[in-house]
Amino acid sequence: MGMHADLLEACTRLADALQGWYGLVAGGCALVGFGMAGCSLLALRRHAEERAAFGGSSFWQGTTHILGGVLCINIETFMRALGGTLGGPMAGLVETLLGKG
């Protein structure tokens, strides 16, 4: 059991040392996620425009309406989740805009 205890202690020390970086890491992950989603949507749009030039479907327009509708319906939840993920001043700003809930 000594080896497992040493590993657990090392992981605990590492987690304590990195605690101050949590906001930066969480914010960076959120931004990377949004960036990847944006790149995916741009690629989808380009593909849809190429298909539309040859009489393709309106898949891009449908996708835009679905994503916009989901975001509009869930905007409060989305903002609270983003504020909670980024923490610090962003969480305070979201709570100020939406009110304490």
Protein backbone atom coordinates (compact mmCIF):
# COMPACT_ATOMS: atom_id res chain seq x y z
CA MET A 1 0.00 0.00 0.00
CA GLY A 2 2.98 2.31 0.42
CA MET A 3 3.33 2.89 -3.32
CA HIS A 4 -0.36 3.82 -3.68
CA ALA A 5 -0.14 6.22 -0.74
CA ASP A 6 2.90 7.90 -2.28
CA LEU A 7 1.11 8.28 -5.62
CA LEU A 8 -1.98 9.70 -3.93
CA GLU A 9 0.15 12.14 -1.95
CA ALA A 10 1.99 13.25 -5.10
CA CYS A 11 -1.31 13.79 -6.94
CA THR A 12 -2.67 15.78 -4.01
CA ARG A 13 0.40 18.03 -3.94
CA LEU A 14 0.14 18.55 -7.71
CA ALA A 15 -3.56 19.42 -7.47
CA ASP A 16 -2.83 21.90 -4.65
CA ALA A 17 -0.04 23.50 -6.66
CA LEU A 18 -2.25 23.91 -9.74
CA GLN A 19 -5.31 25.22 -7.88
CA GLY A 20 -4.43 28.84 -8.69
CA TRP A 21 -4.47 28.08 -12.40
CA TYR A 22 -8.02 26.67 -12.41
CA GLY A 23 -9.69 29.83 -13.78
CA LEU A 24 -7.20 30.16 -16.61
CA VAL A 25 -7.46 26.49 -17.56
CA ALA A 26 -11.27 26.45 -17.37
CA GLY A 27 -11.54 29.67 -19.39
CA GLY A 28 -9.06 28.41 -21.95
CA CYS A 29 -10.96 25.14 -22.34
CA ALA A 30 -14.24 27.00 -22.80
CA LEU A 31 -12.71 29.27 -25.44
CA VAL A 32 -11.12 26.36 -27.27
CA GLY A 33 -14.46 24.54 -27.25
CA PHE A 34 -16.27 27.55 -28.71
CA GLY A 35 -13.49 27.99 -31.27
CA MET A 36 -13.75 24.38 -32.39
CA ALA A 37 -17.53 24.64 -32.65
CA GLY A 38 -17.14 27.82 -34.70
CA CYS A 39 -14.64 26.20 -37.06
CA SER A 40 -16.95 23.22 -37.48
CA LEU A 41 -19.87 25.49 -38.31
CA LEU A 42 -17.78 27.45 -40.81
CA ALA A 43 -16.74 24.22 -42.51
CA LEU A 44 -20.37 23.09 -42.57
CA ARG A 45 -21.42 26.42 -44.06
CA ARG A 46 -18.77 26.27 -46.77
CA HIS A 47 -19.85 22.75 -47.67
CA ALA A 48 -23.53 23.78 -47.74
CA GLU A 49 -22.75 26.77 -49.99
CA GLU A 50 -20.89 24.49 -52.38
CA ARG A 51 -23.87 22.13 -52.48
CA ALA A 52 -26.32 25.04 -52.91
CA ALA A 53 -24.41 26.13 -56.02
CA PHE A 54 -25.43 22.81 -57.56
CA GLY A 55 -29.05 22.91 -56.38
CA GLY A 56 -28.36 21.35 -52.96
CA SER A 57 -30.48 21.47 -49.84
CA SER A 58 -30.87 24.23 -47.28
CA PHE A 59 -29.14 22.24 -44.54
CA TRP A 60 -27.08 25.23 -43.40
CA GLN A 61 -30.15 27.41 -42.94
CA GLY A 62 -31.84 24.67 -40.92
CA THR A 63 -28.76 24.19 -38.76
CA THR A 64 -28.53 27.93 -38.10
CA HIS A 65 -32.16 28.12 -37.03
CA ILE A 66 -31.87 25.10 -34.75
CA LEU A 67 -28.72 26.35 -33.02
CA GLY A 68 -30.08 29.88 -32.73
CA GLY A 69 -33.36 28.62 -31.30
CA VAL A 70 -31.65 26.40 -28.75
CA LEU A 71 -29.39 29.25 -27.66
CA CYS A 72 -32.28 31.73 -27.40
CA ILE A 73 -34.42 29.36 -25.36
CA ASN A 74 -31.57 28.47 -23.03
CA ILE A 75 -29.71 31.78 -22.93
CA GLU A 76 -29.96 32.19 -19.15
CA THR A 77 -28.70 28.66 -18.51
CA PHE A 78 -25.96 29.13 -21.10
CA MET A 79 -24.80 32.40 -19.53
CA ARG A 80 -24.83 30.96 -15.99
CA ALA A 81 -22.84 27.91 -17.14
CA LEU A 82 -20.31 30.11 -18.94
CA GLY A 83 -19.97 32.40 -15.92
CA GLY A 84 -19.58 29.42 -13.60
CA THR A 85 -16.97 27.86 -15.86
CA LEU A 86 -14.89 31.00 -16.24
CA GLY A 87 -15.44 32.09 -12.64
CA GLY A 88 -14.12 35.27 -11.06
CA PRO A 89 -15.21 38.54 -12.67
CA MET A 90 -17.16 36.75 -15.40
CA ALA A 91 -19.34 34.96 -12.84
CA GLY A 92 -19.97 38.28 -11.08
CA LEU A 93 -20.87 39.96 -14.36
CA VAL A 94 -23.34 37.22 -15.29
CA GLU A 95 -24.95 37.34 -11.85
CA THR A 96 -25.23 41.13 -12.11
CA LEU A 97 -26.81 40.94 -15.58
CA LEU A 98 -29.24 38.16 -14.74
CA GLY A 99 -29.78 38.85 -11.06
CA LYS A 100 -29.10 36.43 -8.25
CA GLY A 101 -30.95 33.22 -8.82
